[in-house]
Structures are given as C-alpha cells and as structure tokens.
Protein backbone atom coordinates (compact mmCIF):
# COMPACT_ATOMS: atom_id res chain seq x y z
CA MET A 1 -152.33 -159.59 116.40
CA SER A 2 -153.61 -160.31 112.83
CA TYR A 3 -152.22 -162.98 110.33
CA ASN A 4 -154.57 -163.33 107.33
CA TYR A 5 -152.20 -162.23 104.51
CA GLY A 6 -155.16 -163.56 102.06
CA PRO A 7 -154.61 -166.69 100.13
CA ALA A 8 -151.10 -168.36 101.05
CA PHE A 9 -148.88 -171.68 99.64
CA ILE A 10 -146.85 -172.56 101.53
CA THR A 11 -143.98 -175.44 101.13
CA GLY A 12 -142.37 -178.00 103.27
CA ALA A 13 -145.99 -177.84 104.23
CA GLY A 14 -146.30 -181.49 105.54
CA SER A 15 -144.76 -181.23 108.86
CA GLY A 16 -142.53 -178.78 111.30
CA ILE A 17 -142.84 -175.36 110.73
CA GLY A 18 -144.69 -175.64 107.56
CA ARG A 19 -147.43 -177.46 108.85
CA ALA A 20 -147.37 -174.79 111.90
CA MET A 21 -147.61 -171.82 109.58
CA ALA A 22 -150.54 -173.05 107.13
CA ILE A 23 -152.58 -174.41 110.49
CA GLN A 24 -152.04 -170.65 111.95
CA LEU A 25 -153.11 -169.20 108.54
CA ALA A 26 -156.18 -170.74 107.91
CA ALA A 27 -157.32 -170.04 111.48
CA ALA A 28 -156.70 -166.04 110.79
CA GLY A 29 -158.71 -166.93 107.95
CA SER A 30 -156.39 -167.58 104.78
CA PRO A 31 -156.93 -170.25 102.40
CA VAL A 32 -153.89 -172.17 102.18
CA ALA A 33 -152.20 -173.95 99.35
CA LEU A 34 -149.64 -176.93 101.09
CA ALA A 35 -147.27 -178.24 99.29
CA ASP A 36 -144.72 -181.42 100.32
CA VAL A 37 -142.94 -184.45 98.45
CA ASN A 38 -145.01 -185.86 101.62
CA GLU A 39 -147.93 -186.07 100.15
CA GLU A 40 -149.71 -187.27 103.91
CA GLY A 41 -148.50 -184.81 105.61
CA ILE A 42 -149.87 -182.48 104.07
CA LYS A 43 -153.67 -184.29 103.15
CA ALA A 44 -153.66 -184.58 106.74
CA ALA A 45 -153.19 -180.91 108.05
CA ALA A 46 -155.06 -180.17 105.00
CA ALA A 47 -158.36 -182.48 106.56
CA GLU A 48 -157.33 -180.63 110.22
CA ILE A 49 -157.56 -177.28 108.70
CA GLU A 50 -160.72 -178.06 107.22
CA ALA A 51 -162.19 -179.86 110.42
CA ALA A 52 -161.63 -176.25 111.93
CA GLY A 53 -163.56 -174.97 109.20
CA GLY A 54 -160.72 -173.25 107.30
CA LYS A 55 -159.95 -174.29 103.25
CA ALA A 56 -157.05 -175.94 102.05
CA ILE A 57 -155.72 -177.57 99.01
CA THR A 58 -152.46 -179.74 98.46
CA PHE A 59 -150.09 -180.11 96.19
CA LYS A 60 -147.34 -183.36 95.95
CA LEU A 61 -144.57 -180.72 94.87
CA ASP A 62 -140.52 -181.77 94.71
CA VAL A 63 -139.36 -177.65 95.18
CA SER A 64 -136.77 -178.71 92.71
CA ASP A 65 -138.89 -179.27 89.78
CA ARG A 66 -139.39 -175.56 88.63
CA ALA A 67 -142.09 -176.30 85.93
CA ALA A 68 -144.29 -178.41 88.88
CA VAL A 69 -143.19 -175.20 90.95
CA MET A 70 -145.01 -172.72 88.93
CA ALA A 71 -147.99 -175.06 87.68
CA ALA A 72 -148.49 -174.62 91.87
CA VAL A 73 -147.95 -171.60 92.59
CA GLN A 74 -150.71 -170.23 89.13
CA ALA A 75 -152.64 -173.17 90.46
CA THR A 76 -153.07 -171.66 93.59
CA ASN A 77 -153.36 -168.23 92.13
CA GLU A 78 -156.32 -169.13 90.27
CA ALA A 79 -157.93 -171.40 93.05
CA PHE A 80 -157.94 -168.46 95.41
CA GLY A 81 -158.06 -165.74 93.54
CA GLY A 82 -154.63 -164.62 93.66
CA ILE A 83 -151.99 -164.88 96.15
CA GLY A 84 -150.71 -162.73 99.15
CA PHE A 85 -148.25 -164.77 101.25
CA ILE A 86 -145.89 -168.09 99.63
CA ALA A 87 -143.57 -169.30 102.41
CA ASN A 88 -140.56 -171.22 100.52
CA ASN A 89 -139.77 -173.36 103.71
CA ALA A 90 -138.79 -177.29 102.24
CA GLY A 91 -135.75 -177.53 103.58
CA VAL A 92 -133.17 -180.88 103.55
CA THR A 93 -130.19 -181.78 105.81
CA LEU A 94 -126.69 -183.26 104.92
CA THR A 95 -124.13 -184.00 107.29
CA ASP A 96 -120.73 -184.52 105.54
CA LEU A 97 -117.22 -182.91 105.53
CA VAL A 98 -116.18 -180.97 102.33
CA SER A 99 -112.79 -183.19 102.05
CA THR A 100 -115.35 -186.63 101.62
CA MET A 101 -118.33 -184.98 100.33
CA GLN A 102 -119.87 -185.92 96.92
CA GLU A 103 -121.38 -184.28 94.28
CA SER A 104 -124.44 -185.00 93.91
CA ASP A 105 -125.15 -185.01 97.74
CA PHE A 106 -124.04 -181.48 97.69
CA ARG A 107 -126.16 -180.88 94.23
CA TRP A 108 -129.14 -182.82 95.80
CA LEU A 109 -129.11 -180.28 98.26
CA MET A 110 -128.93 -176.82 97.35
CA GLU A 111 -131.75 -177.91 94.47
CA ILE A 112 -134.01 -178.28 97.19
CA ASN A 113 -132.82 -175.72 100.00
CA PHE A 114 -131.31 -173.06 97.19
CA TRP A 115 -133.34 -173.41 94.14
CA GLY A 116 -136.26 -174.08 95.52
CA VAL A 117 -136.80 -170.49 97.51
CA VAL A 118 -135.69 -169.60 93.86
CA HIS A 119 -138.43 -171.35 91.93
CA GLY A 120 -141.09 -170.30 94.83
CA THR A 121 -140.23 -166.97 94.42
CA GLN A 122 -139.86 -166.45 90.91
CA ALA A 123 -143.60 -168.24 90.43
CA ALA A 124 -145.23 -165.95 93.16
CA LEU A 125 -143.66 -162.23 92.33
CA PRO A 126 -144.76 -161.27 89.08
CA LEU A 127 -148.87 -162.12 90.90
CA MET A 128 -147.61 -160.38 93.39
CA LEU A 129 -146.29 -157.32 91.64
CA LYS A 130 -149.49 -157.66 89.73
CA GLN A 131 -151.35 -157.24 92.64
CA GLY A 132 -148.98 -154.90 94.07
CA ARG A 133 -149.22 -156.36 97.61
CA GLY A 134 -147.75 -159.29 98.93
CA HIS A 135 -145.41 -161.20 101.07
CA ILE A 136 -142.43 -164.00 100.22
CA ILE A 137 -141.64 -165.03 103.72
CA ASN A 138 -137.63 -167.15 102.70
CA ILE A 139 -136.57 -169.82 104.81
CA SER A 140 -132.89 -169.53 105.44
CA SER A 141 -131.08 -170.61 108.90
CA LEU A 142 -128.97 -169.68 111.80
CA PHE A 143 -126.66 -171.48 109.78
CA GLY A 144 -127.07 -168.77 107.05
CA LEU A 145 -125.18 -166.66 109.17
CA ILE A 146 -122.83 -168.61 110.43
CA GLY A 147 -120.86 -171.48 109.34
CA VAL A 148 -120.23 -175.03 111.61
CA PRO A 149 -118.23 -177.82 110.48
CA SER A 150 -120.29 -181.29 109.11
CA GLN A 151 -122.24 -178.86 107.50
CA SER A 152 -120.75 -176.66 104.64
CA ALA A 153 -122.96 -177.26 101.90
CA TYR A 154 -126.30 -176.60 104.36
CA CYS A 155 -124.41 -173.52 105.55
CA ALA A 156 -123.72 -172.89 101.97
CA ALA A 157 -127.49 -172.78 100.73
CA LYS A 158 -128.53 -170.85 103.60
CA HIS A 159 -125.98 -168.41 102.87
CA ALA A 160 -127.12 -168.39 99.23
CA VAL A 161 -130.74 -167.35 100.46
CA LYS A 162 -129.54 -164.71 102.75
CA GLY A 163 -128.00 -162.85 100.18
CA PHE A 164 -130.88 -163.44 97.74
CA ASN A 165 -132.70 -162.48 100.33
CA GLU A 166 -131.27 -158.91 100.74
CA SER A 167 -130.74 -158.31 96.93
CA LEU A 168 -134.35 -159.07 96.84
CA HIS A 169 -135.35 -156.39 99.54
CA TYR A 170 -134.10 -153.84 98.07
CA GLU A 171 -135.35 -154.41 94.57
CA LEU A 172 -139.02 -154.45 96.12
CA ALA A 173 -138.71 -151.05 97.98
CA GLY A 174 -141.85 -148.94 96.38
CA THR A 175 -143.73 -152.04 95.19
CA GLY A 176 -145.95 -153.14 97.89
CA VAL A 177 -143.94 -156.61 97.73
CA SER A 178 -142.44 -157.54 101.06
CA VAL A 179 -138.96 -160.13 101.40
CA HIS A 180 -138.47 -161.44 104.75
CA SER A 181 -135.24 -163.35 105.86
CA VAL A 182 -136.41 -165.72 108.01
CA HIS A 183 -133.05 -167.39 110.12
CA PRO A 184 -134.52 -170.12 112.81
CA GLY A 185 -132.40 -171.72 114.76
CA GLY A 186 -132.41 -175.70 116.61
CA VAL A 187 -136.36 -176.17 115.87
CA ASN A 188 -137.85 -179.58 116.31
CA THR A 189 -138.94 -181.09 113.22
CA ASN A 190 -137.99 -183.60 110.79
CA ILE A 191 -135.89 -182.29 109.25
CA VAL A 192 -132.88 -183.92 110.88
CA ARG A 193 -134.63 -187.34 110.18
CA GLY A 194 -134.94 -187.05 106.89
CA GLY A 195 -131.83 -185.90 105.53
CA ARG A 196 -128.15 -187.65 104.64
CA HIS A 197 -125.61 -188.12 107.29
CA ARG A 198 -122.54 -189.38 105.92
CA ARG A 199 -120.11 -188.10 108.08
CA ASN A 200 -120.22 -185.25 111.43
CA ALA A 201 -116.86 -182.93 112.88
CA GLU A 202 -115.33 -186.36 115.27
CA GLY A 203 -115.10 -188.31 111.47
CA ASP A 204 -118.41 -190.65 112.93
CA THR A 205 -120.61 -192.37 110.50
CA ASP A 206 -123.17 -193.58 112.56
CA THR A 207 -126.11 -191.74 111.45
CA THR A 208 -128.21 -192.90 114.50
CA LYS A 209 -125.78 -190.87 116.52
CA MET A 210 -125.55 -188.07 114.39
CA GLN A 211 -129.44 -187.57 114.17
CA SER A 212 -129.69 -188.18 118.03
CA SER A 213 -127.36 -185.70 118.66
CA PHE A 214 -129.33 -182.80 117.09
CA GLN A 215 -132.00 -183.10 119.61
CA PRO A 216 -131.32 -181.40 122.56
CA LEU A 217 -130.35 -178.38 120.19
CA ALA A 218 -133.94 -178.27 118.53
CA ILE A 219 -135.31 -176.21 121.85
CA THR A 220 -137.82 -174.38 119.79
CA THR A 221 -141.47 -176.20 118.83
CA PRO A 222 -143.05 -175.64 115.18
CA ASP A 223 -145.81 -173.70 116.76
CA GLU A 224 -143.55 -171.09 118.51
CA ALA A 225 -141.60 -170.66 115.51
CA ALA A 226 -144.47 -170.12 113.52
CA LYS A 227 -145.82 -168.05 115.68
CA VAL A 228 -142.36 -165.41 115.39
CA ILE A 229 -142.17 -166.03 112.11
CA LEU A 230 -146.38 -165.04 111.50
CA SER A 231 -145.84 -162.39 114.23
CA GLY A 232 -142.57 -160.71 112.25
CA VAL A 233 -144.40 -160.02 108.92
CA ALA A 234 -147.08 -158.83 110.70
CA ASN A 235 -144.24 -156.04 112.08
CA GLY A 236 -143.20 -156.01 108.52
CA ASP A 237 -140.06 -156.77 109.83
CA TYR A 238 -137.42 -158.17 107.23
CA ARG A 239 -135.11 -160.42 109.36
CA ILE A 240 -136.85 -162.78 111.19
CA ILE A 241 -134.58 -164.60 113.80
CA VAL A 242 -136.36 -167.35 115.49
CA GLY A 243 -134.78 -168.61 118.90
CA LYS A 244 -132.84 -167.79 121.79
CA ASP A 245 -130.13 -169.69 120.51
CA ALA A 246 -130.34 -168.06 117.08
CA ARG A 247 -130.53 -164.30 118.52
CA PHE A 248 -127.50 -165.54 120.95
CA ALA A 249 -125.47 -166.70 118.41
CA ASP A 250 -126.19 -164.01 115.47
CA ARG A 251 -125.24 -160.90 117.97
CA PHE A 252 -121.87 -162.67 119.33
CA GLN A 253 -120.72 -163.40 116.04
CA ARG A 254 -121.69 -160.07 114.25
CA PHE A 255 -120.32 -158.53 117.30
CA PHE A 256 -117.44 -159.85 118.25
CA PRO A 257 -116.33 -162.09 115.13
CA ASN A 258 -112.91 -163.07 116.23
CA LEU A 259 -113.70 -163.96 119.13
CA TRP A 260 -116.99 -165.72 118.57
CA ARG A 261 -114.57 -168.20 116.07
CA LYS A 262 -112.43 -168.97 119.49
CA PHE A 263 -115.02 -169.70 121.36
CA PHE A 264 -117.32 -172.18 119.02
CA GLY A 265 -113.88 -173.55 118.20
CA ARG A 266 -113.00 -173.93 121.23
CA GLY A 267 -116.70 -176.07 121.98
CA LEU A 268 -115.95 -177.99 119.45
CA LYS A 269 -112.70 -179.31 120.54
CA ARG A 270 -113.92 -180.18 123.63
CA ARG A 271 -116.54 -182.05 121.91
CA LYS A 272 -114.19 -184.26 120.12
CA ALA A 273 -112.13 -184.89 123.83
CA PHE A 274 -115.64 -187.10 124.97
C-alpha cells in the first residue's frame, strides 16, 4: 500500500508516533517537515531520513503559538511546492483531580492538545483547499471516546478534538480534502514521561509511580501505530482506532454504555483496594 501523499508536515515528530509517521512517509517518497519543541529529536529523525535518501526539514515549534504554526506550515508549502498531508500529533499529559487541578495546568494542556490541532488545521486547510486535495490527520485518543479519573483535562481536550474533527469532516465534503480522526489506545511514547503529574485517582502524588503505572498499558509500539494510521488514511477511513485496547473499549462503551460504566468503575475500585 502506498503512503506517498506528497509533502507532509508533522507535529510532535521528535519521538513516538510522529517520528514513526515521518520516517514511514519519507520511505514512501514524501518530503517531510518535522516539527517539535524537542529540537534534538527532530534533527536526529531528519538525519535518519536523509541518510536513507529521503528529504526532510525541521522546525523547532510550540504548537500553542498560532503565528509560529502558521509560519512553519507556510514555509513547508514554499519549500516543497505544496502540502498534501498534515498530522497534528503533538500532545502532553496532565494527571490531577478536578477538585485539585490548577487552572494554569489545565490551560497549558488545552493550548497544546486542542488549540495546537486547531492551529495546524487552519494553517494547512486554505492551502489544501486551493490545491483541491490533501489529508488532515488530527490525533485524538481513546480518551477522546471515554472518560477516565485524574485525566479530566486530557479527556476534555481529546473529546474536543473529536468534535472538531466531526464537524470539519462534513464541511469538507466534496472538496478533495479529508480529515481523519485518530484514537490511539496505549502507545509506548514519551508523552507520559514528559507530562505534569500532580495527583492520581487514588490521591497518590508520587510522580515516578504515576509514570510507571502507564507502562504496562502501552501495548502498541509507535511503528505499529503509525502503520495503522497511514493505512487508515490510504483506505479513506475517517475514524481510525489504534490498538486492540482502544478497539475493545470503543466497542464496549458504545454498544453497552451503562454496562461499561459499571465494568470500568469496578475495575477502578479494585485498583484502590491494593
């Protein structure tokens, strides 16, 4: 299956899913722009791409900065003579309870996880509409389909991305431009290690413990996730669920919503008992 969508722009490309998508797209022949606050990560990924014969440029980029995102996407368009694929993938995590969460933490997460998606979409969309083609890949999450205690900010942002994507999907009908709503489950990336962890559902404030508790849940590799996403885009899928954990939870909570809440709630009570 071909993943050559033309020039690509990917945020959060310094590691994890973003890096894996960039490398796989470059291997398929797409010139790639890699954007991330982690300049070392994108430089290393770009060097790997170029060593394999691909073409890459990099942008040290904070996606919460709308003007910077607009400028980076425009620079990519000028450098590559178009833009056929944008993945708004950059994201952060915050672990805290609604009753204790600081507004500054909540706003920090929303600026990146939600507004970063909006900025990237609005930067690329006029260019794609003018071309009459393009793919917008906006990363939501399994947590954009369900709610999880101590993840209210993250869930709020990812649910917002889901709703944004669905509205955009209908607006783009007949334009030749598509949006793809991506919902990964547990993927082994750096997102949790780089997050802010204040207090979990059990009231624990041990950051190391909160980070390590995620590791057994990260059952999908970034390479596997990238393949699922790119295959879904190639198939024209609007909704792309990544990982067997995400597929199970998505189906369970959609078909049996009340049973799911009882099932999930009991699981949380068992965790608190240990």
